[in-house]
Amino acid sequence: EETLPHRAEDAAGNPGSPSPTVFTWYQR
């Protein structure tokens, strides 16, 4: 897991979206 912060332009493109994004992946 990695917590990814949003930029200012991200909020403009999708207002109201939860920030930051919690990214989940599976590593070999």
mmCIF file of all heavy atoms, coordinates in Angstrom:
data_MODEL
# 
_entry.id   MODEL 
# 
loop_
_atom_site.group_PDB 
_atom_site.id 
_atom_site.type_symbol 
_atom_site.label_atom_id 
_atom_site.label_alt_id 
_atom_site.label_comp_id 
_atom_site.label_asym_id 
_atom_site.label_entity_id 
_atom_site.label_seq_id 
_atom_site.pdbx_PDB_ins_code 
_atom_site.Cartn_x 
_atom_site.Cartn_y 
_atom_site.Cartn_z 
_atom_site.occupancy 
_atom_site.B_iso_or_equiv 
_atom_site.pdbx_formal_charge 
_atom_site.auth_seq_id 
_atom_site.auth_comp_id 
_atom_site.auth_asym_id 
_atom_site.auth_atom_id 
_atom_site.pdbx_PDB_model_num 
ATOM 1   N N   . GLU A 1 1  ? 0.843   -1.197  0.000   1.00 0.00 ? 1  GLU A N   1 
ATOM 2   C CA  . GLU A 1 1  ? 0.000   0.000   0.000   1.00 0.00 ? 1  GLU A CA  1 
ATOM 3   C C   . GLU A 1 1  ? 0.877   1.246   0.000   1.00 0.00 ? 1  GLU A C   1 
ATOM 4   O O   . GLU A 1 1  ? 1.963   1.245   0.586   1.00 0.00 ? 1  GLU A O   1 
ATOM 5   C CB  . GLU A 1 1  ? -0.923  0.037   1.226   1.00 0.00 ? 1  GLU A CB  1 
ATOM 6   C CG  . GLU A 1 1  ? -2.162  -0.801  1.092   1.00 0.00 ? 1  GLU A CG  1 
ATOM 7   C CD  . GLU A 1 1  ? -3.175  -0.540  2.200   1.00 0.00 ? 1  GLU A CD  1 
ATOM 8   O OE1 . GLU A 1 1  ? -2.887  0.297   3.092   1.00 0.00 ? 1  GLU A OE1 1 
ATOM 9   O OE2 . GLU A 1 1  ? -4.247  -1.160  2.156   1.00 0.00 ? 1  GLU A OE2 1 
ATOM 10  N N   . GLU A 1 2  ? 0.374   2.269   -0.650  1.00 0.00 ? 2  GLU A N   1 
ATOM 11  C CA  . GLU A 1 2  ? 1.068   3.558   -0.661  1.00 0.00 ? 2  GLU A CA  1 
ATOM 12  C C   . GLU A 1 2  ? 0.001   4.656   -0.637  1.00 0.00 ? 2  GLU A C   1 
ATOM 13  O O   . GLU A 1 2  ? -0.993  4.592   -1.377  1.00 0.00 ? 2  GLU A O   1 
ATOM 14  C CB  . GLU A 1 2  ? 1.929   3.703   -1.913  1.00 0.00 ? 2  GLU A CB  1 
ATOM 15  C CG  . GLU A 1 2  ? 2.813   4.926   -1.922  1.00 0.00 ? 2  GLU A CG  1 
ATOM 16  C CD  . GLU A 1 2  ? 3.977   4.818   -0.937  1.00 0.00 ? 2  GLU A CD  1 
ATOM 17  O OE1 . GLU A 1 2  ? 4.420   3.684   -0.643  1.00 0.00 ? 2  GLU A OE1 1 
ATOM 18  O OE2 . GLU A 1 2  ? 4.433   5.883   -0.465  1.00 0.00 ? 2  GLU A OE2 1 
ATOM 19  N N   . THR A 1 3  ? 0.202   5.644   0.200   1.00 0.00 ? 3  THR A N   1 
ATOM 20  C CA  . THR A 1 3  ? -0.710  6.785   0.262   1.00 0.00 ? 3  THR A CA  1 
ATOM 21  C C   . THR A 1 3  ? -0.221  7.856   -0.701  1.00 0.00 ? 3  THR A C   1 
ATOM 22  O O   . THR A 1 3  ? 0.907   8.347   -0.581  1.00 0.00 ? 3  THR A O   1 
ATOM 23  C CB  . THR A 1 3  ? -0.778  7.344   1.694   1.00 0.00 ? 3  THR A CB  1 
ATOM 24  O OG1 . THR A 1 3  ? -1.258  6.309   2.562   1.00 0.00 ? 3  THR A OG1 1 
ATOM 25  C CG2 . THR A 1 3  ? -1.727  8.529   1.765   1.00 0.00 ? 3  THR A CG2 1 
ATOM 26  N N   . LEU A 1 4  ? -1.074  8.226   -1.657  1.00 0.00 ? 4  LEU A N   1 
ATOM 27  C CA  . LEU A 1 4  ? -0.673  9.141   -2.725  1.00 0.00 ? 4  LEU A CA  1 
ATOM 28  C C   . LEU A 1 4  ? -1.416  10.463  -2.576  1.00 0.00 ? 4  LEU A C   1 
ATOM 29  O O   . LEU A 1 4  ? -2.648  10.519  -2.702  1.00 0.00 ? 4  LEU A O   1 
ATOM 30  C CB  . LEU A 1 4  ? -0.984  8.522   -4.093  1.00 0.00 ? 4  LEU A CB  1 
ATOM 31  C CG  . LEU A 1 4  ? -0.407  7.125   -4.344  1.00 0.00 ? 4  LEU A CG  1 
ATOM 32  C CD1 . LEU A 1 4  ? -0.804  6.639   -5.732  1.00 0.00 ? 4  LEU A CD1 1 
ATOM 33  C CD2 . LEU A 1 4  ? 1.111   7.126   -4.190  1.00 0.00 ? 4  LEU A CD2 1 
ATOM 34  N N   . PRO A 1 5  ? -0.721  11.543  -2.313  1.00 0.00 ? 5  PRO A N   1 
ATOM 35  C CA  . PRO A 1 5  ? -1.382  12.849  -2.176  1.00 0.00 ? 5  PRO A CA  1 
ATOM 36  C C   . PRO A 1 5  ? -1.897  13.357  -3.514  1.00 0.00 ? 5  PRO A C   1 
ATOM 37  O O   . PRO A 1 5  ? -1.404  12.971  -4.584  1.00 0.00 ? 5  PRO A O   1 
ATOM 38  C CB  . PRO A 1 5  ? -0.268  13.742  -1.638  1.00 0.00 ? 5  PRO A CB  1 
ATOM 39  C CG  . PRO A 1 5  ? 0.990   13.107  -2.128  1.00 0.00 ? 5  PRO A CG  1 
ATOM 40  C CD  . PRO A 1 5  ? 0.734   11.623  -2.133  1.00 0.00 ? 5  PRO A CD  1 
ATOM 41  N N   . HIS A 1 6  ? -2.899  14.237  -3.464  1.00 0.00 ? 6  HIS A N   1 
ATOM 42  C CA  . HIS A 1 6  ? -3.456  14.843  -4.665  1.00 0.00 ? 6  HIS A CA  1 
ATOM 43  C C   . HIS A 1 6  ? -2.825  16.210  -4.896  1.00 0.00 ? 6  HIS A C   1 
ATOM 44  O O   . HIS A 1 6  ? -2.455  16.907  -3.954  1.00 0.00 ? 6  HIS A O   1 
ATOM 45  C CB  . HIS A 1 6  ? -4.971  15.003  -4.534  1.00 0.00 ? 6  HIS A CB  1 
ATOM 46  C CG  . HIS A 1 6  ? -5.706  13.708  -4.463  1.00 0.00 ? 6  HIS A CG  1 
ATOM 47  N ND1 . HIS A 1 6  ? -7.074  13.621  -4.514  1.00 0.00 ? 6  HIS A ND1 1 
ATOM 48  C CD2 . HIS A 1 6  ? -5.267  12.426  -4.349  1.00 0.00 ? 6  HIS A CD2 1 
ATOM 49  C CE1 . HIS A 1 6  ? -7.454  12.358  -4.423  1.00 0.00 ? 6  HIS A CE1 1 
ATOM 50  N NE2 . HIS A 1 6  ? -6.369  11.616  -4.320  1.00 0.00 ? 6  HIS A NE2 1 
ATOM 51  N N   . ARG A 1 7  ? -2.735  16.580  -6.161  1.00 0.00 ? 7  ARG A N   1 
ATOM 52  C CA  . ARG A 1 7  ? -2.290  17.919  -6.512  1.00 0.00 ? 7  ARG A CA  1 
ATOM 53  C C   . ARG A 1 7  ? -3.494  18.858  -6.580  1.00 0.00 ? 7  ARG A C   1 
ATOM 54  O O   . ARG A 1 7  ? -4.639  18.417  -6.599  1.00 0.00 ? 7  ARG A O   1 
ATOM 55  C CB  . ARG A 1 7  ? -1.571  17.902  -7.866  1.00 0.00 ? 7  ARG A CB  1 
ATOM 56  C CG  . ARG A 1 7  ? -0.326  17.017  -7.894  1.00 0.00 ? 7  ARG A CG  1 
ATOM 57  C CD  . ARG A 1 7  ? 0.286   17.028  -9.283  1.00 0.00 ? 7  ARG A CD  1 
ATOM 58  N NE  . ARG A 1 7  ? 1.461   16.172  -9.366  1.00 0.00 ? 7  ARG A NE  1 
ATOM 59  C CZ  . ARG A 1 7  ? 2.148   15.952  -10.495 1.00 0.00 ? 7  ARG A CZ  1 
ATOM 60  N NH1 . ARG A 1 7  ? 1.773   16.536  -11.612 1.00 0.00 ? 7  ARG A NH1 1 
ATOM 61  N NH2 . ARG A 1 7  ? 3.203   15.161  -10.483 1.00 0.00 ? 7  ARG A NH2 1 
ATOM 62  N N   . ALA A 1 8  ? -3.247  20.134  -6.665  1.00 0.00 ? 8  ALA A N   1 
ATOM 63  C CA  . ALA A 1 8  ? -4.338  21.108  -6.739  1.00 0.00 ? 8  ALA A CA  1 
ATOM 64  C C   . ALA A 1 8  ? -5.202  20.878  -7.972  1.00 0.00 ? 8  ALA A C   1 
ATOM 65  O O   . ALA A 1 8  ? -6.435  20.972  -7.921  1.00 0.00 ? 8  ALA A O   1 
ATOM 66  C CB  . ALA A 1 8  ? -3.766  22.528  -6.746  1.00 0.00 ? 8  ALA A CB  1 
ATOM 67  N N   . GLU A 1 9  ? -4.566  20.554  -9.107  1.00 0.00 ? 9  GLU A N   1 
ATOM 68  C CA  . GLU A 1 9  ? -5.345  20.334  -10.320 1.00 0.00 ? 9  GLU A CA  1 
ATOM 69  C C   . GLU A 1 9  ? -6.199  19.076  -10.237 1.00 0.00 ? 9  GLU A C   1 
ATOM 70  O O   . GLU A 1 9  ? -7.209  18.945  -10.934 1.00 0.00 ? 9  GLU A O   1 
ATOM 71  C CB  . GLU A 1 9  ? -4.436  20.264  -11.552 1.00 0.00 ? 9  GLU A CB  1 
ATOM 72  C CG  . GLU A 1 9  ? -3.401  19.140  -11.525 1.00 0.00 ? 9  GLU A CG  1 
ATOM 73  C CD  . GLU A 1 9  ? -2.068  19.583  -10.975 1.00 0.00 ? 9  GLU A CD  1 
ATOM 74  O OE1 . GLU A 1 9  ? -2.042  20.506  -10.138 1.00 0.00 ? 9  GLU A OE1 1 
ATOM 75  O OE2 . GLU A 1 9  ? -1.051  19.019  -11.396 1.00 0.00 ? 9  GLU A OE2 1 
ATOM 76  N N   . ASP A 1 10 ? -5.805  18.124  -9.388  1.00 0.00 ? 10 ASP A N   1 
ATOM 77  C CA  . ASP A 1 10 ? -6.631  16.931  -9.201  1.00 0.00 ? 10 ASP A CA  1 
ATOM 78  C C   . ASP A 1 10 ? -7.965  17.306  -8.584  1.00 0.00 ? 10 ASP A C   1 
ATOM 79  O O   . ASP A 1 10 ? -9.022  16.838  -9.016  1.00 0.00 ? 10 ASP A O   1 
ATOM 80  C CB  . ASP A 1 10 ? -5.917  15.918  -8.300  1.00 0.00 ? 10 ASP A CB  1 
ATOM 81  C CG  . ASP A 1 10 ? -4.616  15.410  -8.893  1.00 0.00 ? 10 ASP A CG  1 
ATOM 82  O OD1 . ASP A 1 10 ? -4.517  15.388  -10.131 1.00 0.00 ? 10 ASP A OD1 1 
ATOM 83  O OD2 . ASP A 1 10 ? -3.715  15.044  -8.129  1.00 0.00 ? 10 ASP A OD2 1 
ATOM 84  N N   . ALA A 1 11 ? -7.936  18.140  -7.560  1.00 0.00 ? 11 ALA A N   1 
ATOM 85  C CA  . ALA A 1 11 ? -9.167  18.557  -6.895  1.00 0.00 ? 11 ALA A CA  1 
ATOM 86  C C   . ALA A 1 11 ? -10.072 19.330  -7.850  1.00 0.00 ? 11 ALA A C   1 
ATOM 87  O O   . ALA A 1 11 ? -11.299 19.202  -7.803  1.00 0.00 ? 11 ALA A O   1 
ATOM 88  C CB  . ALA A 1 11 ? -8.843  19.406  -5.678  1.00 0.00 ? 11 ALA A CB  1 
ATOM 89  N N   . ALA A 1 12 ? -9.489  20.120  -8.749  1.00 0.00 ? 12 ALA A N   1 
ATOM 90  C CA  . ALA A 1 12 ? -10.296 20.869  -9.711  1.00 0.00 ? 12 ALA A CA  1 
ATOM 91  C C   . ALA A 1 12 ? -11.002 19.930  -10.677 1.00 0.00 ? 12 ALA A C   1 
ATOM 92  O O   . ALA A 1 12 ? -12.151 20.147  -11.050 1.00 0.00 ? 12 ALA A O   1 
ATOM 93  C CB  . ALA A 1 12 ? -9.411  21.849  -10.484 1.00 0.00 ? 12 ALA A CB  1 
ATOM 94  N N   . GLY A 1 13 ? -10.325 18.852  -11.085 1.00 0.00 ? 13 GLY A N   1 
ATOM 95  C CA  . GLY A 1 13 ? -10.910 17.928  -12.049 1.00 0.00 ? 13 GLY A CA  1 
ATOM 96  C C   . GLY A 1 13 ? -11.948 17.010  -11.455 1.00 0.00 ? 13 GLY A C   1 
ATOM 97  O O   . GLY A 1 13 ? -12.831 16.535  -12.161 1.00 0.00 ? 13 GLY A O   1 
ATOM 98  N N   . ASN A 1 14 ? -11.873 16.750  -10.168 1.00 0.00 ? 14 ASN A N   1 
ATOM 99  C CA  . ASN A 1 14 ? -12.812 15.849  -9.531  1.00 0.00 ? 14 ASN A CA  1 
ATOM 100 C C   . ASN A 1 14 ? -13.089 16.335  -8.110  1.00 0.00 ? 14 ASN A C   1 
ATOM 101 O O   . ASN A 1 14 ? -12.667 15.717  -7.138  1.00 0.00 ? 14 ASN A O   1 
ATOM 102 C CB  . ASN A 1 14 ? -12.235 14.423  -9.515  1.00 0.00 ? 14 ASN A CB  1 
ATOM 103 C CG  . ASN A 1 14 ? -13.323 13.375  -9.505  1.00 0.00 ? 14 ASN A CG  1 
ATOM 104 O OD1 . ASN A 1 14 ? -14.339 13.532  -8.848  1.00 0.00 ? 14 ASN A OD1 1 
ATOM 105 N ND2 . ASN A 1 14 ? -13.100 12.286  -10.231 1.00 0.00 ? 14 ASN A ND2 1 
ATOM 106 N N   . PRO A 1 15 ? -13.799 17.464  -7.993  1.00 0.00 ? 15 PRO A N   1 
ATOM 107 C CA  . PRO A 1 15 ? -14.033 18.039  -6.666  1.00 0.00 ? 15 PRO A CA  1 
ATOM 108 C C   . PRO A 1 15 ? -14.817 17.084  -5.775  1.00 0.00 ? 15 PRO A C   1 
ATOM 109 O O   . PRO A 1 15 ? -15.707 16.372  -6.222  1.00 0.00 ? 15 PRO A O   1 
ATOM 110 C CB  . PRO A 1 15 ? -14.830 19.309  -6.975  1.00 0.00 ? 15 PRO A CB  1 
ATOM 111 C CG  . PRO A 1 15 ? -15.434 19.078  -8.313  1.00 0.00 ? 15 PRO A CG  1 
ATOM 112 C CD  . PRO A 1 15 ? -14.461 18.229  -9.056  1.00 0.00 ? 15 PRO A CD  1 
ATOM 113 N N   . GLY A 1 16 ? -14.469 17.071  -4.520  1.00 0.00 ? 16 GLY A N   1 
ATOM 114 C CA  . GLY A 1 16 ? -15.165 16.202  -3.576  1.00 0.00 ? 16 GLY A CA  1 
ATOM 115 C C   . GLY A 1 16 ? -14.588 14.817  -3.467  1.00 0.00 ? 16 GLY A C   1 
ATOM 116 O O   . GLY A 1 16 ? -15.026 14.023  -2.625  1.00 0.00 ? 16 GLY A O   1 
ATOM 117 N N   . SER A 1 17 ? -13.593 14.496  -4.269  1.00 0.00 ? 17 SER A N   1 
ATOM 118 C CA  . SER A 1 17 ? -13.006 13.162  -4.203  1.00 0.00 ? 17 SER A CA  1 
ATOM 119 C C   . SER A 1 17 ? -12.151 13.053  -2.944  1.00 0.00 ? 17 SER A C   1 
ATOM 120 O O   . SER A 1 17 ? -11.492 14.018  -2.545  1.00 0.00 ? 17 SER A O   1 
ATOM 121 C CB  . SER A 1 17 ? -12.146 12.895  -5.439  1.00 0.00 ? 17 SER A CB  1 
ATOM 122 O OG  . SER A 1 17 ? -11.114 13.853  -5.518  1.00 0.00 ? 17 SER A OG  1 
ATOM 123 N N   . PRO A 1 18 ? -12.156 11.885  -2.320  1.00 0.00 ? 18 PRO A N   1 
ATOM 124 C CA  . PRO A 1 18 ? -11.361 11.735  -1.086  1.00 0.00 ? 18 PRO A CA  1 
ATOM 125 C C   . PRO A 1 18 ? -9.869  11.850  -1.373  1.00 0.00 ? 18 PRO A C   1 
ATOM 126 O O   . PRO A 1 18 ? -9.372  11.331  -2.364  1.00 0.00 ? 18 PRO A O   1 
ATOM 127 C CB  . PRO A 1 18 ? -11.732 10.329  -0.605  1.00 0.00 ? 18 PRO A CB  1 
ATOM 128 C CG  . PRO A 1 18 ? -12.240 9.624   -1.823  1.00 0.00 ? 18 PRO A CG  1 
ATOM 129 C CD  . PRO A 1 18 ? -12.875 10.659  -2.674  1.00 0.00 ? 18 PRO A CD  1 
ATOM 130 N N   . SER A 1 19 ? -9.188  12.569  -0.521  1.00 0.00 ? 19 SER A N   1 
ATOM 131 C CA  . SER A 1 19 ? -7.738  12.754  -0.656  1.00 0.00 ? 19 SER A CA  1 
ATOM 132 C C   . SER A 1 19 ? -7.084  12.441  0.682   1.00 0.00 ? 19 SER A C   1 
ATOM 133 O O   . SER A 1 19 ? -7.605  12.806  1.735   1.00 0.00 ? 19 SER A O   1 
ATOM 134 C CB  . SER A 1 19 ? -7.433  14.197  -1.063  1.00 0.00 ? 19 SER A CB  1 
ATOM 135 O OG  . SER A 1 19 ? -6.053  14.419  -1.144  1.00 0.00 ? 19 SER A OG  1 
ATOM 136 N N   . PRO A 1 20 ? -5.966  11.749  0.675   1.00 0.00 ? 20 PRO A N   1 
ATOM 137 C CA  . PRO A 1 20 ? -5.231  11.209  -0.471  1.00 0.00 ? 20 PRO A CA  1 
ATOM 138 C C   . PRO A 1 20 ? -5.833  9.898   -0.970  1.00 0.00 ? 20 PRO A C   1 
ATOM 139 O O   . PRO A 1 20 ? -6.754  9.351   -0.354  1.00 0.00 ? 20 PRO A O   1 
ATOM 140 C CB  . PRO A 1 20 ? -3.828  10.983  0.112   1.00 0.00 ? 20 PRO A CB  1 
ATOM 141 C CG  . PRO A 1 20 ? -4.110  10.639  1.546   1.00 0.00 ? 20 PRO A CG  1 
ATOM 142 C CD  . PRO A 1 20 ? -5.261  11.507  1.953   1.00 0.00 ? 20 PRO A CD  1 
ATOM 143 N N   . THR A 1 21 ? -5.269  9.378   -2.066  1.00 0.00 ? 21 THR A N   1 
ATOM 144 C CA  . THR A 1 21 ? -5.652  8.076   -2.592  1.00 0.00 ? 21 THR A CA  1 
ATOM 145 C C   . THR A 1 21 ? -4.781  6.994   -1.962  1.00 0.00 ? 21 THR A C   1 
ATOM 146 O O   . THR A 1 21 ? -3.555  7.128   -1.926  1.00 0.00 ? 21 THR A O   1 
ATOM 147 C CB  . THR A 1 21 ? -5.479  8.043   -4.126  1.00 0.00 ? 21 THR A CB  1 
ATOM 148 O OG1 . THR A 1 21 ? -6.469  8.888   -4.720  1.00 0.00 ? 21 THR A OG1 1 
ATOM 149 C CG2 . THR A 1 21 ? -5.614  6.630   -4.674  1.00 0.00 ? 21 THR A CG2 1 
ATOM 150 N N   . VAL A 1 22 ? -5.422  5.950   -1.476  1.00 0.00 ? 22 VAL A N   1 
ATOM 151 C CA  . VAL A 1 22 ? -4.689  4.802   -0.950  1.00 0.00 ? 22 VAL A CA  1 
ATOM 152 C C   . VAL A 1 22 ? -4.573  3.773   -2.078  1.00 0.00 ? 22 VAL A C   1 
ATOM 153 O O   . VAL A 1 22 ? -5.572  3.205   -2.518  1.00 0.00 ? 22 VAL A O   1 
ATOM 154 C CB  . VAL A 1 22 ? -5.393  4.192   0.273   1.00 0.00 ? 22 VAL A CB  1 
ATOM 155 C CG1 . VAL A 1 22 ? -4.620  2.967   0.759   1.00 0.00 ? 22 VAL A CG1 1 
ATOM 156 C CG2 . VAL A 1 22 ? -5.513  5.224   1.384   1.00 0.00 ? 22 VAL A CG2 1 
ATOM 157 N N   . PHE A 1 23 ? -3.377  3.605   -2.553  1.00 0.00 ? 23 PHE A N   1 
ATOM 158 C CA  . PHE A 1 23 ? -3.101  2.714   -3.684  1.00 0.00 ? 23 PHE A CA  1 
ATOM 159 C C   . PHE A 1 23 ? -2.673  1.339   -3.149  1.00 0.00 ? 23 PHE A C   1 
ATOM 160 O O   . PHE A 1 23 ? -1.745  1.236   -2.352  1.00 0.00 ? 23 PHE A O   1 
ATOM 161 C CB  . PHE A 1 23 ? -2.005  3.323   -4.551  1.00 0.00 ? 23 PHE A CB  1 
ATOM 162 C CG  . PHE A 1 23 ? -1.491  2.422   -5.638  1.00 0.00 ? 23 PHE A CG  1 
ATOM 163 C CD1 . PHE A 1 23 ? -2.357  1.675   -6.431  1.00 0.00 ? 23 PHE A CD1 1 
ATOM 164 C CD2 . PHE A 1 23 ? -0.121  2.319   -5.886  1.00 0.00 ? 23 PHE A CD2 1 
ATOM 165 C CE1 . PHE A 1 23 ? -1.874  0.842   -7.441  1.00 0.00 ? 23 PHE A CE1 1 
ATOM 166 C CE2 . PHE A 1 23 ? 0.369   1.497   -6.889  1.00 0.00 ? 23 PHE A CE2 1 
ATOM 167 C CZ  . PHE A 1 23 ? -0.508  0.757   -7.662  1.00 0.00 ? 23 PHE A CZ  1 
ATOM 168 N N   . THR A 1 24 ? -3.377  0.293   -3.604  1.00 0.00 ? 24 THR A N   1 
ATOM 169 C CA  . THR A 1 24 ? -3.093  -1.080  -3.183  1.00 0.00 ? 24 THR A CA  1 
ATOM 170 C C   . THR A 1 24 ? -2.682  -1.904  -4.395  1.00 0.00 ? 24 THR A C   1 
ATOM 171 O O   . THR A 1 24 ? -3.374  -1.888  -5.426  1.00 0.00 ? 24 THR A O   1 
ATOM 172 C CB  . THR A 1 24 ? -4.345  -1.717  -2.535  1.00 0.00 ? 24 THR A CB  1 
ATOM 173 O OG1 . THR A 1 24 ? -4.756  -0.924  -1.426  1.00 0.00 ? 24 THR A OG1 1 
ATOM 174 C CG2 . THR A 1 24 ? -4.062  -3.131  -2.067  1.00 0.00 ? 24 THR A CG2 1 
ATOM 175 N N   . TRP A 1 25 ? -1.562  -2.617  -4.280  1.00 0.00 ? 25 TRP A N   1 
ATOM 176 C CA  . TRP A 1 25 ? -1.152  -3.514  -5.355  1.00 0.00 ? 25 TRP A CA  1 
ATOM 177 C C   . TRP A 1 25 ? -0.474  -4.740  -4.747  1.00 0.00 ? 25 TRP A C   1 
ATOM 178 O O   . TRP A 1 25 ? -0.223  -4.798  -3.542  1.00 0.00 ? 25 TRP A O   1 
ATOM 179 C CB  . TRP A 1 25 ? -0.216  -2.806  -6.333  1.00 0.00 ? 25 TRP A CB  1 
ATOM 180 C CG  . TRP A 1 25 ? 1.204   -2.635  -5.889  1.00 0.00 ? 25 TRP A CG  1 
ATOM 181 C CD1 . TRP A 1 25 ? 2.272   -3.423  -6.217  1.00 0.00 ? 25 TRP A CD1 1 
ATOM 182 C CD2 . TRP A 1 25 ? 1.733   -1.600  -5.047  1.00 0.00 ? 25 TRP A CD2 1 
ATOM 183 N NE1 . TRP A 1 25 ? 3.426   -2.959  -5.632  1.00 0.00 ? 25 TRP A NE1 1 
ATOM 184 C CE2 . TRP A 1 25 ? 3.125   -1.832  -4.904  1.00 0.00 ? 25 TRP A CE2 1 
ATOM 185 C CE3 . TRP A 1 25 ? 1.169   -0.515  -4.385  1.00 0.00 ? 25 TRP A CE3 1 
ATOM 186 C CZ2 . TRP A 1 25 ? 3.944   -1.025  -4.140  1.00 0.00 ? 25 TRP A CZ2 1 
ATOM 187 C CZ3 . TRP A 1 25 ? 1.991   0.298   -3.623  1.00 0.00 ? 25 TRP A CZ3 1 
ATOM 188 C CH2 . TRP A 1 25 ? 3.350   0.041   -3.506  1.00 0.00 ? 25 TRP A CH2 1 
ATOM 189 N N   . TYR A 1 26 ? -0.192  -5.708  -5.597  1.00 0.00 ? 26 TYR A N   1 
ATOM 190 C CA  . TYR A 1 26 ? 0.438   -6.955  -5.145  1.00 0.00 ? 26 TYR A CA  1 
ATOM 191 C C   . TYR A 1 26 ? 1.779   -7.112  -5.851  1.00 0.00 ? 26 TYR A C   1 
ATOM 192 O O   . TYR A 1 26 ? 1.844   -7.144  -7.087  1.00 0.00 ? 26 TYR A O   1 
ATOM 193 C CB  . TYR A 1 26 ? -0.500  -8.147  -5.401  1.00 0.00 ? 26 TYR A CB  1 
ATOM 194 C CG  . TYR A 1 26 ? -1.643  -8.140  -4.407  1.00 0.00 ? 26 TYR A CG  1 
ATOM 195 C CD1 . TYR A 1 26 ? -2.738  -7.313  -4.594  1.00 0.00 ? 26 TYR A CD1 1 
ATOM 196 C CD2 . TYR A 1 26 ? -1.570  -8.897  -3.240  1.00 0.00 ? 26 TYR A CD2 1 
ATOM 197 C CE1 . TYR A 1 26 ? -3.766  -7.250  -3.660  1.00 0.00 ? 26 TYR A CE1 1 
ATOM 198 C CE2 . TYR A 1 26 ? -2.587  -8.843  -2.301  1.00 0.00 ? 26 TYR A CE2 1 
ATOM 199 C CZ  . TYR A 1 26 ? -3.681  -8.029  -2.508  1.00 0.00 ? 26 TYR A CZ  1 
ATOM 200 O OH  . TYR A 1 26 ? -4.682  -7.965  -1.561  1.00 0.00 ? 26 TYR A OH  1 
ATOM 201 N N   . GLN A 1 27 ? 2.826   -7.175  -5.062  1.00 0.00 ? 27 GLN A N   1 
ATOM 202 C CA  . GLN A 1 27 ? 4.204   -7.216  -5.559  1.00 0.00 ? 27 GLN A CA  1 
ATOM 203 C C   . GLN A 1 27 ? 4.678   -8.672  -5.631  1.00 0.00 ? 27 GLN A C   1 
ATOM 204 O O   . GLN A 1 27 ? 4.476   -9.439  -4.701  1.00 0.00 ? 27 GLN A O   1 
ATOM 205 C CB  . GLN A 1 27 ? 5.115   -6.440  -4.629  1.00 0.00 ? 27 GLN A CB  1 
ATOM 206 C CG  . GLN A 1 27 ? 6.518   -6.215  -5.157  1.00 0.00 ? 27 GLN A CG  1 
ATOM 207 C CD  . GLN A 1 27 ? 6.548   -5.168  -6.262  1.00 0.00 ? 27 GLN A CD  1 
ATOM 208 O OE1 . GLN A 1 27 ? 5.826   -4.169  -6.213  1.00 0.00 ? 27 GLN A OE1 1 
ATOM 209 N NE2 . GLN A 1 27 ? 7.381   -5.407  -7.278  1.00 0.00 ? 27 GLN A NE2 1 
ATOM 210 N N   . ARG A 1 28 ? 5.316   -9.024  -6.725  1.00 0.00 ? 28 ARG A N   1 
ATOM 211 C CA  . ARG A 1 28 ? 5.857   -10.381 -6.863  1.00 0.00 ? 28 ARG A CA  1 
ATOM 212 C C   . ARG A 1 28 ? 7.059   -10.550 -5.954  1.00 0.00 ? 28 ARG A C   1 
ATOM 213 O O   . ARG A 1 28 ? 7.983   -9.725  -5.965  1.00 0.00 ? 28 ARG A O   1 
ATOM 214 C CB  . ARG A 1 28 ? 6.241   -10.676 -8.311  1.00 0.00 ? 28 ARG A CB  1 
ATOM 215 C CG  . ARG A 1 28 ? 6.676   -12.131 -8.516  1.00 0.00 ? 28 ARG A CG  1 
ATOM 216 C CD  . ARG A 1 28 ? 6.916   -12.467 -9.981  1.00 0.00 ? 28 ARG A CD  1 
ATOM 217 N NE  . ARG A 1 28 ? 7.321   -13.866 -10.115 1.00 0.00 ? 28 ARG A NE  1 
ATOM 218 C CZ  . ARG A 1 28 ? 6.481   -14.886 -10.230 1.00 0.00 ? 28 ARG A CZ  1 
ATOM 219 N NH1 . ARG A 1 28 ? 5.177   -14.660 -10.246 1.00 0.00 ? 28 ARG A NH1 1 
ATOM 220 N NH2 . ARG A 1 28 ? 6.922   -16.122 -10.330 1.00 0.00 ? 28 ARG A NH2 1 
# 
